[in-house]
Amino acid sequence: MTDVEPRFDEVIHARNRLQICSVLADVDALEFAAVEEVLDVSDYVVSKHVKVLADAGYVESRKVHEGGRNRTWLSLTDDGRAAYEGHLAELRRITR
């Protein structure tokens, strides 16, 4: 296991964005509606925070046509995973 460099990340730190990263860190991809359900917020709120994460290069989304409807799947990028792990390491360091 490699050491993660602690690094506070303003993009990730906002509560909803931190939760989105946390949920996506445990899976390869998760459907947008599932993220909305876990966070217990509207699709507008999820969309707004996913856009910030995507603009930073931390989250990717892909649309898939399944079962007669379009579904959006979200996943952390490698940069997003590294930033999230670094942010968690910094929070642990701060709280020690």
PDB file of N, CA and C in Angstrom:
ATOM      1  N   MET A   1       0.843  -1.186   0.000  1.00  0.00           N
ATOM      2  CA  MET A   1       0.000   0.000   0.000  1.00  0.00           C
ATOM      3  C   MET A   1       0.882   1.241   0.000  1.00  0.00           C
ATOM      4  N   THR A   2       0.595   2.163  -0.882  1.00  0.00           N
ATOM      5  CA  THR A   2       1.379   3.388  -0.938  1.00  0.00           C
ATOM      6  C   THR A   2       0.791   4.425   0.006  1.00  0.00           C
ATOM      7  N   ASP A   3       1.675   5.254   0.518  1.00  0.00           N
ATOM      8  CA  ASP A   3       1.227   6.335   1.382  1.00  0.00           C
ATOM      9  C   ASP A   3       0.536   7.392   0.536  1.00  0.00           C
ATOM     10  N   VAL A   4      -0.507   7.954   1.093  1.00  0.00           N
ATOM     11  CA  VAL A   4      -1.244   9.019   0.428  1.00  0.00           C
ATOM     12  C   VAL A   4      -0.789  10.336   1.033  1.00  0.00           C
ATOM     13  N   GLU A   5      -0.447  11.286   0.170  1.00  0.00           N
ATOM     14  CA  GLU A   5      -0.040  12.595   0.666  1.00  0.00           C
ATOM     15  C   GLU A   5      -1.277  13.375   1.115  1.00  0.00           C
ATOM     16  N   PRO A   6      -1.328  13.762   2.387  1.00  0.00           N
ATOM     17  CA  PRO A   6      -2.468  14.550   2.867  1.00  0.00           C
ATOM     18  C   PRO A   6      -2.544  15.884   2.126  1.00  0.00           C
ATOM     19  N   ARG A   7      -3.720  16.194   1.599  1.00  0.00           N
ATOM     20  CA  ARG A   7      -3.888  17.446   0.854  1.00  0.00           C
ATOM     21  C   ARG A   7      -5.346  17.871   0.934  1.00  0.00           C
ATOM     22  N   PHE A   8      -5.588  19.000   1.554  1.00  0.00           N
ATOM     23  CA  PHE A   8      -6.941  19.543   1.654  1.00  0.00           C
ATOM     24  C   PHE A   8      -7.399  19.960   0.264  1.00  0.00           C
ATOM     25  N   ASP A   9      -8.621  19.610  -0.093  1.00  0.00           N
ATOM     26  CA  ASP A   9      -9.147  19.911  -1.418  1.00  0.00           C
ATOM     27  C   ASP A   9     -10.466  20.665  -1.277  1.00  0.00           C
ATOM     28  N   GLU A  10     -10.441  21.949  -1.625  1.00  0.00           N
ATOM     29  CA  GLU A  10     -11.632  22.797  -1.515  1.00  0.00           C
ATOM     30  C   GLU A  10     -12.791  22.282  -2.372  1.00  0.00           C
ATOM     31  N   VAL A  11     -12.476  21.691  -3.514  1.00  0.00           N
ATOM     32  CA  VAL A  11     -13.537  21.194  -4.396  1.00  0.00           C
ATOM     33  C   VAL A  11     -14.292  20.057  -3.718  1.00  0.00           C
ATOM     34  N   ILE A  12     -13.579  19.153  -3.109  1.00  0.00           N
ATOM     35  CA  ILE A  12     -14.199  17.976  -2.488  1.00  0.00           C
ATOM     36  C   ILE A  12     -14.832  18.304  -1.142  1.00  0.00           C
ATOM     37  N   HIS A  13     -14.328  19.286  -0.442  1.00  0.00           N
ATOM     38  CA  HIS A  13     -14.695  19.502   0.953  1.00  0.00           C
ATOM     39  C   HIS A  13     -16.171  19.801   1.203  1.00  0.00           C
ATOM     40  N   ALA A  14     -16.855  20.429   0.273  1.00  0.00           N
ATOM     41  CA  ALA A  14     -18.284  20.716   0.474  1.00  0.00           C
ATOM     42  C   ALA A  14     -19.021  19.412   0.768  1.00  0.00           C
ATOM     43  N   ARG A  15     -19.917  19.447   1.738  1.00  0.00           N
ATOM     44  CA  ARG A  15     -20.559  18.226   2.259  1.00  0.00           C
ATOM     45  C   ARG A  15     -21.115  17.322   1.161  1.00  0.00           C
ATOM     46  N   ASN A  16     -21.914  17.854   0.253  1.00  0.00           N
ATOM     47  CA  ASN A  16     -22.514  17.006  -0.780  1.00  0.00           C
ATOM     48  C   ASN A  16     -21.463  16.430  -1.725  1.00  0.00           C
ATOM     49  N   ARG A  17     -20.441  17.214  -2.062  1.00  0.00           N
ATOM     50  CA  ARG A  17     -19.395  16.700  -2.947  1.00  0.00           C
ATOM     51  C   ARG A  17     -18.565  15.635  -2.236  1.00  0.00           C
ATOM     52  N   LEU A  18     -18.314  15.831  -0.947  1.00  0.00           N
ATOM     53  CA  LEU A  18     -17.600  14.822  -0.170  1.00  0.00           C
ATOM     54  C   LEU A  18     -18.403  13.526  -0.119  1.00  0.00           C
ATOM     55  N   GLN A  19     -19.701  13.640   0.071  1.00  0.00           N
ATOM     56  CA  GLN A  19     -20.557  12.453   0.079  1.00  0.00           C
ATOM     57  C   GLN A  19     -20.574  11.757  -1.281  1.00  0.00           C
ATOM     58  N   ILE A  20     -20.631  12.530  -2.349  1.00  0.00           N
ATOM     59  CA  ILE A  20     -20.627  11.939  -3.691  1.00  0.00           C
ATOM     60  C   ILE A  20     -19.331  11.162  -3.901  1.00  0.00           C
ATOM     61  N   CYS A  21     -18.208  11.765  -3.557  1.00  0.00           N
ATOM     62  CA  CYS A  21     -16.921  11.071  -3.702  1.00  0.00           C
ATOM     63  C   CYS A  21     -16.879   9.820  -2.837  1.00  0.00           C
ATOM     64  N   SER A  22     -17.405   9.918  -1.634  1.00  0.00           N
ATOM     65  CA  SER A  22     -17.410   8.778  -0.724  1.00  0.00           C
ATOM     66  C   SER A  22     -18.211   7.609  -1.295  1.00  0.00           C
ATOM     67  N   VAL A  23     -19.360   7.908  -1.831  1.00  0.00           N
ATOM     68  CA  VAL A  23     -20.217   6.864  -2.417  1.00  0.00           C
ATOM     69  C   VAL A  23     -19.542   6.255  -3.650  1.00  0.00           C
ATOM     70  N   LEU A  24     -18.953   7.094  -4.481  1.00  0.00           N
ATOM     71  CA  LEU A  24     -18.340   6.595  -5.716  1.00  0.00           C
ATOM     72  C   LEU A  24     -17.017   5.885  -5.469  1.00  0.00           C
ATOM     73  N   ALA A  25     -16.364   6.169  -4.345  1.00  0.00           N
ATOM     74  CA  ALA A  25     -15.068   5.544  -4.051  1.00  0.00           C
ATOM     75  C   ALA A  25     -15.190   4.044  -3.849  1.00  0.00           C
ATOM     76  N   ASP A  26     -16.364   3.574  -3.478  1.00  0.00           N
ATOM     77  CA  ASP A  26     -16.558   2.157  -3.177  1.00  0.00           C
ATOM     78  C   ASP A  26     -17.037   1.322  -4.361  1.00  0.00           C
ATOM     79  N   VAL A  27     -17.256   1.957  -5.506  1.00  0.00           N
ATOM     80  CA  VAL A  27     -17.804   1.252  -6.669  1.00  0.00           C
ATOM     81  C   VAL A  27     -17.083   1.682  -7.935  1.00  0.00           C
ATOM     82  N   ASP A  28     -17.240   0.904  -8.987  1.00  0.00           N
ATOM     83  CA  ASP A  28     -16.703   1.316 -10.290  1.00  0.00           C
ATOM     84  C   ASP A  28     -17.553   2.431 -10.881  1.00  0.00           C
ATOM     85  N   ALA A  29     -18.876   2.308 -10.736  1.00  0.00           N
ATOM     86  CA  ALA A  29     -19.816   3.322 -11.232  1.00  0.00           C
ATOM     87  C   ALA A  29     -21.128   3.152 -10.483  1.00  0.00           C
ATOM     88  N   LEU A  30     -21.868   4.233 -10.395  1.00  0.00           N
ATOM     89  CA  LEU A  30     -23.154   4.207  -9.710  1.00  0.00           C
ATOM     90  C   LEU A  30     -24.129   5.063 -10.495  1.00  0.00           C
ATOM     91  N   GLU A  31     -25.368   4.609 -10.580  1.00  0.00           N
ATOM     92  CA  GLU A  31     -26.373   5.360 -11.318  1.00  0.00           C
ATOM     93  C   GLU A  31     -26.689   6.666 -10.591  1.00  0.00           C
ATOM     94  N   PHE A  32     -26.887   7.717 -11.353  1.00  0.00           N
ATOM     95  CA  PHE A  32     -27.184   9.042 -10.829  1.00  0.00           C
ATOM     96  C   PHE A  32     -28.315   8.985  -9.803  1.00  0.00           C
ATOM     97  N   ALA A  33     -29.379   8.264 -10.120  1.00  0.00           N
ATOM     98  CA  ALA A  33     -30.539   8.187  -9.221  1.00  0.00           C
ATOM     99  C   ALA A  33     -30.163   7.570  -7.872  1.00  0.00           C
ATOM    100  N   ALA A  34     -29.229   6.639  -7.871  1.00  0.00           N
ATOM    101  CA  ALA A  34     -28.786   6.027  -6.613  1.00  0.00           C
ATOM    102  C   ALA A  34     -28.012   7.041  -5.778  1.00  0.00           C
ATOM    103  N   VAL A  35     -27.206   7.857  -6.416  1.00  0.00           N
ATOM    104  CA  VAL A  35     -26.469   8.905  -5.700  1.00  0.00           C
ATOM    105  C   VAL A  35     -27.468   9.889  -5.093  1.00  0.00           C
ATOM    106  N   GLU A  36     -28.451  10.266  -5.873  1.00  0.00           N
ATOM    107  CA  GLU A  36     -29.506  11.168  -5.402  1.00  0.00           C
ATOM    108  C   GLU A  36     -30.197  10.579  -4.167  1.00  0.00           C
ATOM    109  N   GLU A  37     -30.482   9.298  -4.213  1.00  0.00           N
ATOM    110  CA  GLU A  37     -31.161   8.625  -3.100  1.00  0.00           C
ATOM    111  C   GLU A  37     -30.275   8.567  -1.853  1.00  0.00           C
ATOM    112  N   VAL A  38     -29.017   8.226  -2.020  1.00  0.00           N
ATOM    113  CA  VAL A  38     -28.096   8.136  -0.884  1.00  0.00           C
ATOM    114  C   VAL A  38     -27.941   9.498  -0.214  1.00  0.00           C
ATOM    115  N   LEU A  39     -27.804  10.545  -1.012  1.00  0.00           N
ATOM    116  CA  LEU A  39     -27.623  11.887  -0.452  1.00  0.00           C
ATOM    117  C   LEU A  39     -28.933  12.470   0.075  1.00  0.00           C
ATOM    118  N   ASP A  40     -30.055  11.930  -0.374  1.00  0.00           N
ATOM    119  CA  ASP A  40     -31.378  12.400   0.019  1.00  0.00           C
ATOM    120  C   ASP A  40     -31.558  13.884  -0.318  1.00  0.00           C
ATOM    121  N   VAL A  41     -31.201  14.207  -1.561  1.00  0.00           N
ATOM    122  CA  VAL A  41     -31.362  15.569  -2.068  1.00  0.00           C
ATOM    123  C   VAL A  41     -31.968  15.486  -3.464  1.00  0.00           C
ATOM    124  N   SER A  42     -32.349  16.627  -4.003  1.00  0.00           N
ATOM    125  CA  SER A  42     -32.967  16.657  -5.332  1.00  0.00           C
ATOM    126  C   SER A  42     -31.943  16.383  -6.433  1.00  0.00           C
ATOM    127  N   ASP A  43     -32.453  16.056  -7.607  1.00  0.00           N
ATOM    128  CA  ASP A  43     -31.566  15.834  -8.750  1.00  0.00           C
ATOM    129  C   ASP A  43     -30.817  17.115  -9.113  1.00  0.00           C
ATOM    130  N   TYR A  44     -31.448  18.274  -8.880  1.00  0.00           N
ATOM    131  CA  TYR A  44     -30.781  19.546  -9.140  1.00  0.00           C
ATOM    132  C   TYR A  44     -29.521  19.683  -8.286  1.00  0.00           C
ATOM    133  N   VAL A  45     -29.624  19.350  -7.007  1.00  0.00           N
ATOM    134  CA  VAL A  45     -28.481  19.466  -6.092  1.00  0.00           C
ATOM    135  C   VAL A  45     -27.365  18.518  -6.524  1.00  0.00           C
ATOM    136  N   VAL A  46     -27.729  17.284  -6.841  1.00  0.00           N
ATOM    137  CA  VAL A  46     -26.714  16.320  -7.293  1.00  0.00           C
ATOM    138  C   VAL A  46     -26.066  16.824  -8.580  1.00  0.00           C
ATOM    139  N   SER A  47     -26.866  17.276  -9.527  1.00  0.00           N
ATOM    140  CA  SER A  47     -26.340  17.776 -10.806  1.00  0.00           C
ATOM    141  C   SER A  47     -25.357  18.911 -10.599  1.00  0.00           C
ATOM    142  N   LYS A  48     -25.716  19.841  -9.731  1.00  0.00           N
ATOM    143  CA  LYS A  48     -24.863  21.001  -9.472  1.00  0.00           C
ATOM    144  C   LYS A  48     -23.502  20.558  -8.928  1.00  0.00           C
ATOM    145  N   HIS A  49     -23.507  19.635  -7.969  1.00  0.00           N
ATOM    146  CA  HIS A  49     -22.251  19.196  -7.360  1.00  0.00           C
ATOM    147  C   HIS A  49     -21.453  18.267  -8.281  1.00  0.00           C
ATOM    148  N   VAL A  50     -22.139  17.448  -9.049  1.00  0.00           N
ATOM    149  CA  VAL A  50     -21.444  16.595 -10.015  1.00  0.00           C
ATOM    150  C   VAL A  50     -20.757  17.461 -11.065  1.00  0.00           C
ATOM    151  N   LYS A  51     -21.399  18.545 -11.476  1.00  0.00           N
ATOM    152  CA  LYS A  51     -20.779  19.442 -12.459  1.00  0.00           C
ATOM    153  C   LYS A  51     -19.479  20.029 -11.917  1.00  0.00           C
ATOM    154  N   VAL A  52     -19.471  20.453 -10.669  1.00  0.00           N
ATOM    155  CA  VAL A  52     -18.256  21.004 -10.063  1.00  0.00           C
ATOM    156  C   VAL A  52     -17.160  19.935 -10.042  1.00  0.00           C
ATOM    157  N   LEU A  53     -17.526  18.723  -9.632  1.00  0.00           N
ATOM    158  CA  LEU A  53     -16.555  17.624  -9.588  1.00  0.00           C
ATOM    159  C   LEU A  53     -16.068  17.259 -10.990  1.00  0.00           C
ATOM    160  N   ALA A  54     -16.973  17.256 -11.954  1.00  0.00           N
ATOM    161  CA  ALA A  54     -16.596  16.931 -13.335  1.00  0.00           C
ATOM    162  C   ALA A  54     -15.692  18.012 -13.919  1.00  0.00           C
ATOM    163  N   ASP A  55     -16.003  19.271 -13.646  1.00  0.00           N
ATOM    164  CA  ASP A  55     -15.173  20.371 -14.147  1.00  0.00           C
ATOM    165  C   ASP A  55     -13.758  20.298 -13.575  1.00  0.00           C
ATOM    166  N   ALA A  56     -13.622  19.754 -12.361  1.00  0.00           N
ATOM    167  CA  ALA A  56     -12.303  19.584 -11.738  1.00  0.00           C
ATOM    168  C   ALA A  56     -11.598  18.334 -12.248  1.00  0.00           C
ATOM    169  N   GLY A  57     -12.311  17.517 -13.031  1.00  0.00           N
ATOM    170  CA  GLY A  57     -11.734  16.275 -13.551  1.00  0.00           C
ATOM    171  C   GLY A  57     -11.809  15.120 -12.574  1.00  0.00           C
ATOM    172  N   TYR A  58     -12.676  15.236 -11.572  1.00  0.00           N
ATOM    173  CA  TYR A  58     -12.775  14.218 -10.521  1.00  0.00           C
ATOM    174  C   TYR A  58     -13.863  13.174 -10.780  1.00  0.00           C
ATOM    175  N   VAL A  59     -14.875  13.521 -11.533  1.00  0.00           N
ATOM    176  CA  VAL A  59     -15.997  12.610 -11.795  1.00  0.00           C
ATOM    177  C   VAL A  59     -16.283  12.588 -13.287  1.00  0.00           C
ATOM    178  N   GLU A  60     -16.591  11.397 -13.775  1.00  0.00           N
ATOM    179  CA  GLU A  60     -17.037  11.235 -15.163  1.00  0.00           C
ATOM    180  C   GLU A  60     -18.474  10.745 -15.143  1.00  0.00           C
ATOM    181  N   SER A  61     -19.220  11.155 -16.139  1.00  0.00           N
ATOM    182  CA  SER A  61     -20.574  10.633 -16.280  1.00  0.00           C
ATOM    183  C   SER A  61     -20.731  10.079 -17.684  1.00  0.00           C
ATOM    184  N   ARG A  62     -21.537   9.044 -17.772  1.00  0.00           N
ATOM    185  CA  ARG A  62     -21.843   8.496 -19.102  1.00  0.00           C
ATOM    186  C   ARG A  62     -23.317   8.146 -19.136  1.00  0.00           C
ATOM    187  N   LYS A  63     -23.924   8.439 -20.252  1.00  0.00           N
ATOM    188  CA  LYS A  63     -25.350   8.163 -20.434  1.00  0.00           C
ATOM    189  C   LYS A  63     -25.497   6.860 -21.204  1.00  0.00           C
ATOM    190  N   VAL A  64     -26.405   6.031 -20.714  1.00  0.00           N
ATOM    191  CA  VAL A  64     -26.657   4.729 -21.322  1.00  0.00           C
ATOM    192  C   VAL A  64     -28.168   4.588 -21.510  1.00  0.00           C
ATOM    193  N   HIS A  65     -28.554   4.103 -22.676  1.00  0.00           N
ATOM    194  CA  HIS A  65     -29.975   3.847 -22.928  1.00  0.00           C
ATOM    195  C   HIS A  65     -30.257   2.399 -22.516  1.00  0.00           C
ATOM    196  N   GLU A  66     -31.024   2.244 -21.437  1.00  0.00           N
ATOM    197  CA  GLU A  66     -31.351   0.909 -20.911  1.00  0.00           C
ATOM    198  C   GLU A  66     -32.839   0.824 -20.618  1.00  0.00           C
ATOM    199  N   GLY A  67     -33.417  -0.283 -20.952  1.00  0.00           N
ATOM    200  CA  GLY A  67     -34.811  -0.521 -20.605  1.00  0.00           C
ATOM    201  C   GLY A  67     -35.757   0.570 -21.068  1.00  0.00           C
ATOM    202  N   GLY A  68     -35.501   1.136 -22.210  1.00  0.00           N
ATOM    203  CA  GLY A  68     -36.383   2.152 -22.754  1.00  0.00           C
ATOM    204  C   GLY A  68     -36.187   3.539 -22.164  1.00  0.00           C
ATOM    205  N   ARG A  69     -35.162   3.726 -21.339  1.00  0.00           N
ATOM    206  CA  ARG A  69     -34.914   5.068 -20.795  1.00  0.00           C
ATOM    207  C   ARG A  69     -33.421   5.347 -20.694  1.00  0.00           C
ATOM    208  N   ASN A  70     -33.115   6.613 -20.637  1.00  0.00           N
ATOM    209  CA  ASN A  70     -31.721   7.008 -20.494  1.00  0.00           C
ATOM    210  C   ASN A  70     -31.333   7.011 -19.015  1.00  0.00           C
ATOM    211  N   ARG A  71     -30.179   6.468 -18.724  1.00  0.00           N
ATOM    212  CA  ARG A  71     -29.656   6.462 -17.359  1.00  0.00           C
ATOM    213  C   ARG A  71     -28.265   7.069 -17.382  1.00  0.00           C
ATOM    214  N   THR A  72     -27.954   7.791 -16.331  1.00  0.00           N
ATOM    215  CA  THR A  72     -26.637   8.409 -16.208  1.00  0.00           C
ATOM    216  C   THR A  72     -25.866   7.683 -15.125  1.00  0.00           C
ATOM    217  N   TRP A  73     -24.668   7.260 -15.481  1.00  0.00           N
ATOM    218  CA  TRP A  73     -23.790   6.559 -14.545  1.00  0.00           C
ATOM    219  C   TRP A  73     -22.624   7.464 -14.195  1.00  0.00           C
ATOM    220  N   LEU A  74     -22.271   7.499 -12.923  1.00  0.00           N
ATOM    221  CA  LEU A  74     -21.184   8.344 -12.438  1.00  0.00           C
ATOM    222  C   LEU A  74     -20.048   7.485 -11.915  1.00  0.00           C
ATOM    223  N   SER A  75     -18.828   7.964 -12.105  1.00  0.00           N
ATOM    224  CA  SER A  75     -17.668   7.262 -11.555  1.00  0.00           C
ATOM    225  C   SER A  75     -16.570   8.272 -11.237  1.00  0.00           C
ATOM    226  N   LEU A  76     -15.738   7.926 -10.259  1.00  0.00           N
ATOM    227  CA  LEU A  76     -14.576   8.743  -9.940  1.00  0.00           C
ATOM    228  C   LEU A  76     -13.498   8.487 -10.980  1.00  0.00           C
ATOM    229  N   THR A  77     -12.815   9.520 -11.383  1.00  0.00           N
ATOM    230  CA  THR A  77     -11.648   9.353 -12.247  1.00  0.00           C
ATOM    231  C   THR A  77     -10.461   8.981 -11.362  1.00  0.00           C
ATOM    232  N   ASP A  78      -9.358   8.608 -11.967  1.00  0.00           N
ATOM    233  CA  ASP A  78      -8.150   8.332 -11.186  1.00  0.00           C
ATOM    234  C   ASP A  78      -7.725   9.580 -10.406  1.00  0.00           C
ATOM    235  N   ASP A  79      -7.812  10.751 -11.051  1.00  0.00           N
ATOM    236  CA  ASP A  79      -7.480  11.996 -10.361  1.00  0.00           C
ATOM    237  C   ASP A  79      -8.450  12.265  -9.211  1.00  0.00           C
ATOM    238  N   GLY A  80      -9.716  11.958  -9.428  1.00  0.00           N
ATOM    239  CA  GLY A  80     -10.723  12.150  -8.390  1.00  0.00           C
ATOM    240  C   GLY A  80     -10.484  11.242  -7.200  1.00  0.00           C
ATOM    241  N   ARG A  81     -10.138  10.002  -7.467  1.00  0.00           N
ATOM    242  CA  ARG A  81      -9.854   9.046  -6.390  1.00  0.00           C
ATOM    243  C   ARG A  81      -8.629   9.500  -5.589  1.00  0.00           C
ATOM    244  N   ALA A  82      -7.592   9.947  -6.288  1.00  0.00           N
ATOM    245  CA  ALA A  82      -6.378  10.418  -5.609  1.00  0.00           C
ATOM    246  C   ALA A  82      -6.681  11.658  -4.766  1.00  0.00           C
ATOM    247  N   ALA A  83      -7.453  12.587  -5.319  1.00  0.00           N
ATOM    248  CA  ALA A  83      -7.805  13.806  -4.583  1.00  0.00           C
ATOM    249  C   ALA A  83      -8.646  13.470  -3.359  1.00  0.00           C
ATOM    250  N   TYR A  84      -9.593  12.563  -3.509  1.00  0.00           N
ATOM    251  CA  TYR A  84     -10.453  12.149  -2.393  1.00  0.00           C
ATOM    252  C   TYR A  84      -9.622  11.488  -1.287  1.00  0.00           C
ATOM    253  N   GLU A  85      -8.750  10.575  -1.658  1.00  0.00           N
ATOM    254  CA  GLU A  85      -7.914   9.905  -0.665  1.00  0.00           C
ATOM    255  C   GLU A  85      -6.973  10.888   0.023  1.00  0.00           C
ATOM    256  N   GLY A  86      -6.422  11.834  -0.733  1.00  0.00           N
ATOM    257  CA  GLY A  86      -5.570  12.859  -0.145  1.00  0.00           C
ATOM    258  C   GLY A  86      -6.335  13.765   0.803  1.00  0.00           C
ATOM    259  N   HIS A  87      -7.573  14.085   0.436  1.00  0.00           N
ATOM    260  CA  HIS A  87      -8.408  14.931   1.287  1.00  0.00           C
ATOM    261  C   HIS A  87      -8.734  14.205   2.595  1.00  0.00           C
ATOM    262  N   LEU A  88      -9.106  12.935   2.497  1.00  0.00           N
ATOM    263  CA  LEU A  88      -9.380  12.161   3.721  1.00  0.00           C
ATOM    264  C   LEU A  88      -8.145  12.076   4.607  1.00  0.00           C
ATOM    265  N   ALA A  89      -6.990  11.873   4.002  1.00  0.00           N
ATOM    266  CA  ALA A  89      -5.743  11.806   4.767  1.00  0.00           C
ATOM    267  C   ALA A  89      -5.489  13.132   5.489  1.00  0.00           C
ATOM    268  N   GLU A  90      -5.773  14.234   4.830  1.00  0.00           N
ATOM    269  CA  GLU A  90      -5.587  15.544   5.458  1.00  0.00           C
ATOM    270  C   GLU A  90      -6.580  15.750   6.595  1.00  0.00           C
ATOM    271  N   LEU A  91      -7.822  15.332   6.412  1.00  0.00           N
ATOM    272  CA  LEU A  91      -8.801  15.453   7.496  1.00  0.00           C
ATOM    273  C   LEU A  91      -8.365  14.615   8.702  1.00  0.00           C
ATOM    274  N   ARG A  92      -7.838  13.423   8.450  1.00  0.00           N
ATOM    275  CA  ARG A  92      -7.338  12.594   9.557  1.00  0.00           C
ATOM    276  C   ARG A  92      -6.176  13.284  10.256  1.00  0.00           C
ATOM    277  N   ARG A  93      -5.279  13.882   9.456  1.00  0.00           N
ATOM    278  CA  ARG A  93      -4.126  14.571  10.036  1.00  0.00           C
ATOM    279  C   ARG A  93      -4.572  15.752  10.896  1.00  0.00           C
ATOM    280  N   ILE A  94      -5.520  16.522  10.410  1.00  0.00           N
ATOM    281  CA  ILE A  94      -6.020  17.690  11.133  1.00  0.00           C
ATOM    282  C   ILE A  94      -6.683  17.291  12.455  1.00  0.00           C
ATOM    283  N   THR A  95      -7.401  16.190  12.442  1.00  0.00           N
ATOM    284  CA  THR A  95      -8.169  15.795  13.627  1.00  0.00           C
ATOM    285  C   THR A  95      -7.391  14.969  14.640  1.00  0.00           C
ATOM    286  N   ARG A  96      -6.151  14.673  14.349  1.00  0.00           N
ATOM    287  CA  ARG A  96      -5.330  13.939  15.322  1.00  0.00           C
ATOM    288  C   ARG A  96      -4.940  14.801  16.470  1.00  0.00           C
TER     289      ARG A  96
END
